[in-house]
Amino acid sequence: MMNAQTVVNSKPRKRLGLRLWPYLFSLPFVLLYLAFQFYPVVYSFFLSFHEWNGVSEKRFVGFSNYVTLFTKDPLFYKSIYNTVVILLMSLPALILSGMLLAYLIFNMVNGRMFF
C-alpha cells in the first residue's frame, strides 16, 4: 500500500526521467564533437606555442611563432587575401544555387506528395 509521501515523491522522479532523455540522446554527438573537433583545435592552439617537427621533443617558444608569422612571413598576408577573394567569389554562387534548388524542389508538382 502506498502512502501519501510515496505518491508525492514519485512525480518529480518521473519528470526528471523525462527531462533526462534529450541529454542522453545528444550525449553521443557531444562526445564525438569533443573528441574530433574540440580537442584537436585546443591541442593545435597548444602546439602553436611550441617548436616541434612531429618527431622530436616539443620546445616551448611562446609567441615567437606568431611574431614570425605576422612580421617575417611574406606569404601569410597573400594567403589571407586569397582566402577572402575565394570567399567573396564563391559565397554568392553558393547562396544562389541553394535558393534555386529550393525553389525548384518547392515547385515540383510530382514531389509535393513526397514532402
Foldseek 3Di string as FASTA:
>chain_A
DDDPVVVVVVVVVVVVVVVCVVVVVCVVVVVVCCVPPVVVVVVVVVLLQWDDPPPDDTHGNGCPSVCCLVPPDPCNVVVVVVVVVVCVVVVVVVVVVVVVVVVVQVPDPVCPVVD
